[in-house]
Protein backbone atom coordinates (compact mmCIF):
# COMPACT_ATOMS: atom_id res chain seq x y z
CA MET A 1 0.00 0.00 0.00
CA SER A 2 2.89 2.36 0.72
CA MET A 3 4.25 1.96 -2.82
CA PHE A 4 0.81 2.87 -4.18
CA LEU A 5 0.80 6.08 -2.14
CA LEU A 6 4.37 6.95 -3.09
CA GLU A 7 3.77 6.38 -6.80
CA ALA A 8 0.36 8.09 -6.83
CA ILE A 9 1.62 11.21 -5.07
CA ALA A 10 4.76 11.34 -7.21
CA GLY A 11 2.75 10.71 -10.40
CA LEU A 12 0.37 13.56 -9.61
CA LEU A 13 3.08 15.98 -8.45
CA ILE A 14 5.42 15.42 -11.38
CA HIS A 15 2.65 14.92 -13.99
CA SER A 16 3.65 11.38 -14.95
CA THR A 17 0.98 9.27 -16.60
CA SER A 18 3.11 6.13 -16.46
CA LEU A 19 3.78 6.49 -12.70
CA LEU A 20 0.12 7.18 -12.05
CA ALA A 21 -0.86 4.12 -14.10
CA ASP A 22 1.58 1.99 -12.17
CA SER A 23 0.33 3.35 -8.84
CA VAL A 24 -3.31 2.47 -9.45
CA ASP A 25 -2.17 -1.00 -10.44
CA MET A 26 -0.38 -1.26 -7.09
CA LEU A 27 -3.60 -0.30 -5.27
CA GLY A 28 -5.54 -2.92 -7.19
CA ASP A 29 -2.91 -5.50 -6.35
CA ALA A 30 -3.10 -4.70 -2.64
CA ILE A 31 -6.88 -5.16 -2.72
CA VAL A 32 -6.87 -8.35 -4.73
CA TYR A 33 -3.91 -9.95 -2.93
CA GLY A 34 -5.82 -9.58 0.32
CA PHE A 35 -8.87 -11.21 -1.25
CA SER A 36 -6.66 -13.89 -2.84
CA LEU A 37 -5.33 -14.85 0.58
CA TYR A 38 -8.89 -14.96 1.90
CA VAL A 39 -10.06 -17.46 -0.75
CA ILE A 40 -7.11 -19.87 -0.58
CA GLY A 41 -8.49 -23.34 0.08
CA ARG A 42 -12.06 -22.33 -0.68
CA SER A 43 -14.31 -23.69 -3.41
CA SER A 44 -13.80 -23.02 -7.11
CA VAL A 45 -16.71 -20.56 -6.95
CA TRP A 46 -14.73 -18.42 -4.49
CA LEU A 47 -11.60 -18.74 -6.63
CA GLY A 48 -13.60 -17.62 -9.62
CA ARG A 49 -15.00 -14.67 -7.67
CA ALA A 50 -11.50 -13.60 -6.66
CA ALA A 51 -10.29 -13.77 -10.25
CA LEU A 52 -13.37 -11.91 -11.47
CA LEU A 53 -12.76 -9.16 -8.90
CA LYS A 54 -9.16 -8.83 -10.11
CA GLY A 55 -10.29 -8.64 -13.71
CA VAL A 56 -12.89 -5.97 -12.99
CA ILE A 57 -10.45 -3.90 -10.93
CA MET A 58 -7.83 -4.08 -13.70
CA ALA A 59 -10.42 -3.05 -16.30
CA VAL A 60 -11.57 -0.06 -14.22
CA PHE A 61 -7.99 1.07 -13.60
CA GLY A 62 -7.13 0.64 -17.28
CA ILE A 63 -10.06 2.84 -18.27
CA GLY A 64 -9.07 5.41 -15.63
CA VAL A 65 -5.52 5.58 -16.98
CA LEU A 66 -6.88 5.95 -20.51
CA ALA A 67 -8.86 8.96 -19.26
CA HIS A 68 -5.67 10.42 -17.76
CA VAL A 69 -3.87 9.88 -21.08
CA VAL A 70 -6.56 11.97 -22.78
CA PHE A 71 -6.23 14.68 -20.10
CA LYS A 72 -2.45 14.78 -20.38
CA THR A 73 -2.58 14.80 -24.18
CA VAL A 74 -4.79 17.87 -24.04
CA HIS A 75 -2.69 19.69 -21.41
CA GLY A 76 0.77 18.31 -22.31
CA PHE A 77 2.55 18.60 -18.94
CA LEU A 78 6.22 17.57 -19.03
CA PRO A 79 6.97 15.10 -16.21
CA ILE A 80 10.15 15.27 -14.14
CA ALA A 81 12.19 12.41 -15.58
CA GLU A 82 14.62 12.05 -12.69
CA MET A 83 11.83 11.56 -10.16
CA MET A 84 10.10 9.12 -12.49
CA GLY A 85 13.32 7.10 -12.55
CA VAL A 86 13.85 7.09 -8.79
CA VAL A 87 10.27 6.07 -7.97
CA GLY A 88 10.24 3.60 -10.88
CA VAL A 89 13.33 1.79 -9.57
CA MET A 90 11.82 1.51 -6.08
CA ALA A 91 8.56 0.12 -7.47
CA LEU A 92 10.41 -2.33 -9.73
CA ALA A 93 12.37 -3.71 -6.77
CA ALA A 94 9.18 -4.22 -4.73
CA ASN A 95 7.36 -5.88 -7.62
CA LEU A 96 10.24 -8.18 -8.56
CA ILE A 97 10.19 -9.56 -5.03
CA CYS A 98 6.43 -10.23 -5.30
CA LEU A 99 6.83 -11.85 -8.72
CA LEU A 100 9.58 -14.14 -7.49
CA LEU A 101 7.50 -15.17 -4.46
CA LEU A 102 4.50 -15.98 -6.67
CA ARG A 103 6.45 -17.72 -9.46
CA GLN A 104 6.26 -21.18 -7.96
CA HIS A 105 2.46 -20.87 -7.54
CA GLN A 106 1.54 -19.44 -10.94
CA HIS A 107 -0.06 -22.71 -12.08
CA ASP A 108 -1.72 -23.75 -8.78
CA ASP A 109 -5.24 -22.46 -9.56
CA ILE A 110 -7.02 -19.53 -11.20
CA ASN A 111 -6.62 -17.45 -8.05
CA MET A 112 -2.83 -17.80 -7.93
CA ARG A 113 -2.53 -17.51 -11.73
CA SER A 114 -4.37 -14.19 -11.69
CA ALA A 115 -2.15 -12.96 -8.82
CA TRP A 116 0.93 -13.95 -10.83
CA ILE A 117 -0.43 -12.14 -13.91
CA CYS A 118 -0.94 -9.01 -11.81
CA SER A 119 2.65 -9.18 -10.55
CA ARG A 120 4.01 -9.83 -14.04
CA ASN A 121 2.10 -6.78 -15.27
CA ASP A 122 3.62 -4.74 -12.46
CA VAL A 123 7.16 -5.62 -13.50
CA ILE A 124 6.34 -4.83 -17.12
CA GLY A 125 4.77 -1.53 -16.06
CA ASN A 126 7.76 -0.61 -13.88
CA THR A 127 10.13 -1.32 -16.74
CA GLY A 128 7.93 0.86 -18.95
CA VAL A 129 8.10 3.70 -16.42
CA LEU A 130 11.90 3.51 -16.47
CA VAL A 131 11.97 3.55 -20.28
CA ALA A 132 9.56 6.50 -20.28
CA ALA A 133 11.71 8.37 -17.74
CA LEU A 134 14.80 7.89 -19.91
CA MET A 135 12.99 8.99 -23.06
CA VAL A 136 11.42 12.04 -21.35
CA TYR A 137 14.89 12.99 -20.10
CA LEU A 138 16.55 12.55 -23.49
CA PHE A 139 13.89 14.27 -25.60
CA SER A 140 12.29 16.72 -23.12
CA SER A 141 8.90 15.58 -24.34
CA PRO A 142 5.82 14.29 -22.50
CA TRP A 143 5.02 11.86 -25.33
CA PRO A 144 7.13 8.91 -24.13
CA ASP A 145 5.36 9.10 -20.75
CA ILE A 146 1.96 9.33 -22.45
CA ALA A 147 2.81 6.40 -24.75
CA ILE A 148 4.01 4.18 -21.90
CA GLY A 149 0.97 5.14 -19.80
CA LEU A 150 -1.22 4.14 -22.74
CA LEU A 151 0.62 0.83 -23.12
CA ILE A 152 0.25 0.09 -19.40
CA ALA A 153 -3.47 0.88 -19.60
CA THR A 154 -3.81 -1.39 -22.63
CA LEU A 155 -2.00 -4.18 -20.74
CA PHE A 156 -4.45 -3.72 -17.82
CA VAL A 157 -7.48 -3.96 -20.08
CA TRP A 158 -6.10 -6.96 -22.02
CA SER A 159 -5.18 -8.82 -18.83
CA ALA A 160 -8.60 -7.99 -17.38
CA ILE A 161 -10.26 -9.58 -20.42
CA VAL A 162 -8.12 -12.72 -20.05
CA ILE A 163 -8.77 -13.04 -16.30
CA ILE A 164 -12.51 -12.35 -16.63
CA HIS A 165 -12.68 -14.99 -19.38
CA GLU A 166 -10.83 -17.54 -17.19
CA ALA A 167 -13.08 -16.67 -14.22
CA SER A 168 -16.15 -17.20 -16.41
CA ARG A 169 -14.85 -20.63 -17.40
CA GLU A 170 -14.25 -21.43 -13.73
CA PHE A 171 -17.85 -20.50 -12.90
CA SER A 172 -19.15 -22.57 -15.82
CA SER A 173 -17.19 -25.66 -14.84
CA SER A 174 -18.27 -25.45 -11.19
CA GLN A 175 -21.97 -25.52 -12.02
């Protein structure tokens, strides 16, 4: 939760779409990881509900980031690349630890698979933030940050579709 707050505040203060996108993903992860722990060992219906919740949260966050991309495109704020890099490295370190911890459980059930997908997306998003920070620094342009924010949002929405589809199959097979 602390990484969400750090990234969200930094993203808003330095006008970084990619950091803001990554921060809302962190919040979603905190919510769904808690629910994932709650449903461990429960019926497939509960596992499906947990995965569905993750999918819906990712879809909502993806749409929210898309809205921010539109806002930033209209207003064109230049983010502070150095701060993007510092916060991006901290978030990447935190998410790599989570991904490594979940790696051995990625095929256990739909609940753990969706948690692993969320962590994988985090690492991809963090790497994107670092690439955006470098490109913003080199070109003094907000467009790399906007582009990476858009890619992260697209990844959220795509992953949400996959997870919601898998959750739907889980519900169908349990009935």
